[in-house]
Amino acid sequence: MPDAPTTLARAWEAVPFLRMLAVTVDDLRPDGARVRLPHRHLTSNRNGTLHGGVSAALANAAGTLAARAGQDDPMQPGHSVDLVVSYLAPSTRPTILAEARVLRRGRELTHVDVDVLDDSGTLVLKAVVVHRVASAPDDPPMAAPSPPPIEFSPLRAGVSGSPFTAHLGVSVQVAGPGRSAVLLPLRDDLLDETGALHEGAVASLVDSAGGVASWAVDGFNRRGRAWTVGMHLHFHGPDRREALVAYAATVGRHRGLHFSTLMIVGQASGRVVASGTITFQIVRPDQPAAA
């Protein structure tokens, strides 16, 4: 009979969103985990580098796996509370690894440090995940302020597209300069083990919406370069059983750095399920990068 870590690892790899990404478990201990992702066309930006949403999703997944491995009941899913990400380097390498280490395990909250590296040893991303054991009833959700009515249109390659966001099936509508709304559908291959949209899919949605809002300040330039610098995402709870809309507003910029706030709302219910901030760098062809 498989032991508890093996059972958890097999169940974790079978989660629809992680199975879609082909993520596998290399190592699992009560205080840490190492997971592996093959980088291919599906997980890339339009320039072939690893998509920021994929690397954030991998970091969050590794962190939650490490947190669960040391719980009294590892099969109790729980949910992330906070995901803090710093993007350090792009990668086109074929294999990406996430190494998670538990920093502190409390009665309900576990803090996990995560390094995402490629197979050359380059540190791609640094993250901290705060995971909560689902041990208390949820508070009633807060309703979002009514957003302006937005007509969603299909995402078009060359405007805000990448192989990964296109595969997610998102729809994008820029509502105005520095603002965006991005719709993530409720689809079988984007779910977690409970039937809700996976936290990694939500992180990918946030990364996309922040980028669209930043480009929308001055308009998209195909010859420009851009990347996510940092993300801080708050998950308000585990109930995400509907399509989600991320509303992003760029509230400031300085020398190519764009600072955006985001609210993620259930499309049908209007419930706020997550919120956060994104820092996004844009270098236009005639501009130097910020120091």
Protein backbone atom coordinates (compact mmCIF):
# COMPACT_ATOMS: atom_id res chain seq x y z
CA MET A 1 0.00 0.00 0.00
CA PRO A 2 1.39 3.47 -0.88
CA ASP A 3 2.60 5.59 2.03
CA ALA A 4 1.04 8.99 2.83
CA PRO A 5 3.57 11.13 0.83
CA THR A 6 3.17 8.89 -2.23
CA THR A 7 -0.63 9.04 -1.97
CA LEU A 8 -0.55 12.83 -1.67
CA ALA A 9 1.90 13.19 -4.58
CA ARG A 10 -0.23 11.01 -6.87
CA ALA A 11 -3.41 12.88 -5.95
CA TRP A 12 -1.66 16.23 -6.45
CA GLU A 13 -0.35 15.27 -9.91
CA ALA A 14 -3.88 14.22 -10.89
CA VAL A 15 -5.36 17.67 -10.21
CA PRO A 16 -6.72 18.81 -13.61
CA PHE A 17 -4.83 22.13 -13.88
CA LEU A 18 -1.52 20.57 -12.83
CA ARG A 19 -2.07 17.61 -15.12
CA MET A 20 -2.65 20.04 -18.00
CA LEU A 21 0.74 21.63 -17.22
CA ALA A 22 2.32 18.13 -16.88
CA VAL A 23 3.73 18.94 -13.41
CA THR A 24 5.27 16.03 -11.50
CA VAL A 25 6.61 15.53 -7.97
CA ASP A 26 10.34 14.80 -7.61
CA ASP A 27 10.53 14.82 -3.81
CA LEU A 28 8.10 15.28 -0.91
CA ARG A 29 8.85 15.60 2.81
CA PRO A 30 6.92 16.99 5.82
CA ASP A 31 8.97 20.20 5.57
CA GLY A 32 9.44 20.58 1.81
CA ALA A 33 8.80 19.54 -1.77
CA ARG A 34 10.45 19.62 -5.20
CA VAL A 35 8.30 19.58 -8.34
CA ARG A 36 9.10 19.63 -12.05
CA LEU A 37 7.46 21.25 -15.09
CA PRO A 38 8.39 20.74 -18.76
CA HIS A 39 8.61 24.13 -20.49
CA ARG A 40 7.14 23.89 -23.96
CA HIS A 41 5.13 25.97 -26.43
CA LEU A 42 1.98 25.74 -24.31
CA THR A 43 3.69 27.37 -21.28
CA SER A 44 5.41 30.19 -23.14
CA ASN A 45 5.09 33.91 -23.77
CA ARG A 46 4.92 35.24 -27.30
CA ASN A 47 8.77 35.40 -27.30
CA GLY A 48 9.19 31.78 -26.18
CA THR A 49 10.21 32.43 -22.56
CA LEU A 50 8.39 30.82 -19.64
CA HIS A 51 5.12 32.68 -18.99
CA GLY A 52 4.96 34.56 -15.69
CA GLY A 53 1.59 33.04 -14.91
CA VAL A 54 3.03 29.53 -15.29
CA SER A 55 5.99 30.18 -12.99
CA ALA A 56 3.74 31.81 -10.37
CA ALA A 57 1.32 28.88 -10.60
CA LEU A 58 4.18 26.41 -10.19
CA ALA A 59 5.52 28.28 -7.14
CA ASN A 60 2.10 28.37 -5.51
CA ALA A 61 1.49 24.69 -6.26
CA ALA A 62 4.85 23.64 -4.79
CA GLY A 63 4.25 25.77 -1.70
CA THR A 64 0.81 24.34 -1.04
CA LEU A 65 2.09 20.79 -1.58
CA ALA A 66 4.88 21.30 0.99
CA ALA A 67 2.38 22.81 3.44
CA ARG A 68 -0.02 19.89 3.07
CA ALA A 69 2.70 17.26 3.41
CA GLY A 70 3.21 18.15 7.08
CA GLN A 71 -0.45 18.47 8.04
CA ASP A 72 -2.12 15.95 10.37
CA ASP A 73 -4.35 15.10 7.40
CA PRO A 74 -2.35 15.73 4.20
CA MET A 75 -5.41 14.99 2.05
CA GLN A 76 -7.28 18.00 3.48
CA PRO A 77 -6.81 20.59 0.72
CA GLY A 78 -7.11 23.97 2.47
CA HIS A 79 -6.22 27.01 0.36
CA SER A 80 -3.60 29.71 -0.17
CA VAL A 81 -4.05 33.03 1.61
CA ASP A 82 -1.14 35.00 0.16
CA LEU A 83 1.21 34.53 -2.78
CA VAL A 84 4.15 36.94 -3.03
CA VAL A 85 6.32 36.61 -6.13
CA SER A 86 9.53 38.29 -7.34
CA TYR A 87 10.50 37.52 -10.94
CA LEU A 88 14.29 37.34 -11.27
CA ALA A 89 15.15 36.03 -14.74
CA PRO A 90 13.48 34.78 -17.94
CA SER A 91 14.05 31.22 -19.09
CA THR A 92 13.72 29.24 -22.29
CA ARG A 93 15.18 26.06 -20.80
CA PRO A 94 13.16 22.83 -21.29
CA THR A 95 12.83 21.92 -17.59
CA ILE A 96 11.70 24.12 -14.68
CA LEU A 97 11.98 23.06 -11.02
CA ALA A 98 10.27 24.49 -7.94
CA GLU A 99 11.84 23.81 -4.55
CA ALA A 100 9.64 24.59 -1.53
CA ARG A 101 10.76 24.79 2.11
CA VAL A 102 8.46 25.29 5.09
CA LEU A 103 9.51 28.38 7.08
CA ARG A 104 6.95 28.15 9.85
CA ARG A 105 4.00 25.88 10.54
CA GLY A 106 1.30 27.29 12.78
CA ARG A 107 -2.02 25.86 13.88
CA GLU A 108 -3.80 27.11 10.74
CA LEU A 109 -1.24 28.99 8.62
CA THR A 110 1.94 27.60 7.07
CA HIS A 111 4.54 29.91 5.50
CA VAL A 112 6.56 28.36 2.68
CA ASP A 113 9.62 29.70 0.83
CA VAL A 114 9.81 28.68 -2.86
CA ASP A 115 12.62 28.90 -5.42
CA VAL A 116 11.81 28.33 -9.08
CA LEU A 117 14.89 27.42 -11.12
CA ASP A 118 15.57 26.14 -14.59
CA ASP A 119 17.78 23.16 -15.41
CA SER A 120 20.83 25.43 -15.85
CA GLY A 121 20.56 26.43 -12.19
CA THR A 122 19.31 29.96 -12.96
CA LEU A 123 16.97 31.28 -10.27
CA VAL A 124 13.87 32.32 -12.23
CA LEU A 125 11.53 33.32 -9.43
CA LYS A 126 11.39 33.68 -5.64
CA ALA A 127 8.08 33.31 -3.80
CA VAL A 128 6.49 33.02 -0.39
CA VAL A 129 3.22 31.09 -0.08
CA VAL A 130 0.94 31.29 2.96
CA HIS A 131 -1.30 28.23 3.11
CA ARG A 132 -4.31 27.79 5.40
CA VAL A 133 -5.79 24.55 6.66
CA ALA A 134 -9.54 24.65 6.06
CA SER A 135 -10.57 24.27 9.70
CA ALA A 136 -13.09 27.08 10.28
CA PRO A 137 -16.32 28.13 8.53
CA ASP A 138 -15.89 30.88 5.95
CA ASP A 139 -17.15 34.39 6.58
CA PRO A 140 -19.87 35.63 4.21
CA PRO A 141 -18.18 36.90 1.02
CA MET A 142 -18.08 40.64 0.34
CA ALA A 143 -19.76 41.89 -2.83
CA ALA A 144 -17.58 43.81 -5.27
CA PRO A 145 -18.36 47.40 -6.24
CA SER A 146 -20.36 47.29 -9.44
CA PRO A 147 -17.90 47.34 -12.34
CA PRO A 148 -18.74 49.17 -15.57
CA PRO A 149 -20.50 46.96 -18.12
CA ILE A 150 -17.91 45.38 -20.39
CA GLU A 151 -18.45 43.51 -23.63
CA PHE A 152 -15.89 40.71 -23.83
CA SER A 153 -14.19 39.90 -27.10
CA PRO A 154 -11.80 37.07 -27.99
CA LEU A 155 -8.14 37.53 -27.14
CA ARG A 156 -6.20 38.41 -30.29
CA ALA A 157 -2.59 37.36 -30.80
CA GLY A 158 -0.34 40.41 -31.16
CA VAL A 159 -2.49 42.54 -28.87
CA SER A 160 -2.07 40.72 -25.56
CA GLY A 161 -1.77 37.10 -26.56
CA SER A 162 0.70 34.32 -25.83
CA PRO A 163 0.45 30.57 -26.35
CA PHE A 164 -0.30 30.10 -22.65
CA THR A 165 -3.04 32.73 -22.28
CA ALA A 166 -4.58 31.56 -25.56
CA HIS A 167 -4.62 27.99 -24.21
CA LEU A 168 -6.37 29.17 -21.04
CA GLY A 169 -9.20 30.49 -23.19
CA VAL A 170 -9.18 33.98 -21.72
CA SER A 171 -11.04 36.90 -23.27
CA VAL A 172 -9.72 40.44 -22.99
CA GLN A 173 -11.41 43.82 -23.29
CA VAL A 174 -9.44 46.99 -22.59
CA ALA A 175 -11.92 49.32 -20.89
CA GLY A 176 -9.78 52.45 -21.20
CA PRO A 177 -6.23 53.76 -20.87
CA GLY A 178 -4.50 51.84 -18.11
CA ARG A 179 -7.48 49.59 -17.43
CA SER A 180 -8.42 46.07 -18.44
CA ALA A 181 -10.88 43.31 -17.80
CA VAL A 182 -9.86 39.71 -18.45
CA LEU A 183 -12.29 36.79 -18.32
CA LEU A 184 -11.14 33.28 -17.32
CA PRO A 185 -13.67 30.56 -18.18
CA LEU A 186 -14.73 27.76 -15.85
CA ARG A 187 -13.28 24.81 -17.74
CA ASP A 188 -12.54 21.23 -16.68
CA ASP A 189 -8.77 21.39 -17.27
CA LEU A 190 -8.41 24.57 -15.17
CA LEU A 191 -9.87 23.11 -11.96
CA ASP A 192 -8.42 22.01 -8.63
CA GLU A 193 -9.37 18.82 -6.83
CA THR A 194 -12.51 20.41 -5.35
CA GLY A 195 -13.97 21.54 -8.69
CA ALA A 196 -13.02 25.21 -8.25
CA LEU A 197 -10.76 27.17 -10.58
CA HIS A 198 -7.21 26.36 -9.52
CA GLU A 199 -5.23 29.01 -7.63
CA GLY A 200 -2.54 28.73 -10.30
CA ALA A 201 -5.10 29.59 -12.97
CA VAL A 202 -6.12 32.63 -10.90
CA ALA A 203 -2.46 33.72 -10.62
CA SER A 204 -2.15 33.36 -14.39
CA LEU A 205 -5.27 35.47 -14.87
CA VAL A 206 -3.84 38.19 -12.62
CA ASP A 207 -0.53 38.20 -14.48
CA SER A 208 -2.33 38.58 -17.81
CA ALA A 209 -4.72 41.31 -16.63
CA GLY A 210 -1.89 43.34 -15.10
CA GLY A 211 0.08 43.16 -18.31
CA VAL A 212 -2.88 44.19 -20.46
CA ALA A 213 -3.64 47.19 -18.22
CA SER A 214 0.00 48.30 -18.34
CA TRP A 215 0.22 48.09 -22.11
CA ALA A 216 -3.09 49.94 -22.36
CA VAL A 217 -1.60 53.12 -20.85
CA ASP A 218 0.14 54.05 -24.12
CA GLY A 219 -0.88 51.25 -26.45
CA PHE A 220 0.71 47.96 -27.41
CA ASN A 221 3.99 48.01 -29.37
CA ARG A 222 4.96 44.71 -30.97
CA ARG A 223 8.64 45.73 -31.02
CA GLY A 224 8.69 46.47 -27.30
CA ARG A 225 9.75 44.14 -24.49
CA ALA A 226 7.82 43.54 -21.28
CA TRP A 227 7.82 41.31 -18.22
CA THR A 228 6.27 41.02 -14.78
CA VAL A 229 8.54 42.25 -11.98
CA GLY A 230 6.44 41.28 -8.97
CA MET A 231 3.02 40.06 -7.85
CA HIS A 232 1.22 40.04 -4.52
CA LEU A 233 -1.99 38.05 -4.65
CA HIS A 234 -4.53 37.57 -1.85
CA PHE A 235 -6.96 34.63 -2.09
CA HIS A 236 -10.13 35.49 -0.18
CA GLY A 237 -11.31 31.90 0.02
CA PRO A 238 -11.47 28.59 -1.85
CA ASP A 239 -14.87 28.96 -3.56
CA ARG A 240 -14.20 29.68 -7.25
CA ARG A 241 -16.79 27.55 -9.03
CA GLU A 242 -17.62 30.07 -11.74
CA ALA A 243 -15.89 32.03 -14.47
CA LEU A 244 -13.78 34.87 -13.08
CA VAL A 245 -13.14 38.41 -14.24
CA ALA A 246 -9.94 40.25 -13.28
CA TYR A 247 -10.35 44.04 -13.30
CA ALA A 248 -6.95 45.77 -13.40
CA ALA A 249 -6.14 49.48 -13.09
CA THR A 250 -2.67 50.93 -13.59
CA VAL A 251 -2.44 53.51 -10.81
CA GLY A 252 1.13 54.72 -11.37
CA ARG A 253 4.23 54.40 -13.53
CA HIS A 254 7.86 55.48 -13.44
CA ARG A 255 10.50 54.99 -16.15
CA GLY A 256 8.75 52.01 -17.71
CA LEU A 257 7.59 50.44 -14.47
CA HIS A 258 3.79 50.17 -14.24
CA PHE A 259 2.00 49.61 -10.92
CA SER A 260 -1.49 48.09 -11.06
CA THR A 261 -4.13 47.02 -8.59
CA LEU A 262 -6.47 44.12 -9.34
CA MET A 263 -9.79 42.75 -8.18
CA ILE A 264 -10.91 39.26 -9.20
CA VAL A 265 -14.65 38.78 -9.23
CA GLY A 266 -17.04 35.93 -9.96
CA GLN A 267 -18.64 36.69 -13.32
CA ALA A 268 -22.11 35.55 -12.31
CA SER A 269 -22.15 36.21 -8.56
CA GLY A 270 -20.13 39.44 -8.35
CA ARG A 271 -18.26 38.04 -5.33
CA VAL A 272 -14.67 39.18 -4.79
CA VAL A 273 -12.59 35.98 -4.66
CA ALA A 274 -9.09 37.51 -4.82
CA SER A 275 -7.26 40.82 -5.02
CA GLY A 276 -3.72 41.96 -5.51
CA THR A 277 -1.08 44.13 -7.11
CA ILE A 278 1.27 43.74 -10.07
CA THR A 279 4.47 45.56 -11.03
CA PHE A 280 5.08 45.34 -14.78
CA GLN A 281 8.06 46.57 -16.83
CA ILE A 282 7.68 47.83 -20.40
CA VAL A 283 10.71 48.78 -22.52
CA ARG A 284 9.74 50.41 -25.79
CA PRO A 285 12.13 50.29 -28.75
CA ASP A 286 13.39 53.84 -28.16
CA GLN A 287 13.60 53.63 -24.35
CA PRO A 288 16.30 52.21 -22.02
CA ALA A 289 15.27 49.85 -19.21
CA ALA A 290 14.92 51.23 -15.69
CA ALA A 291 17.96 50.63 -13.49
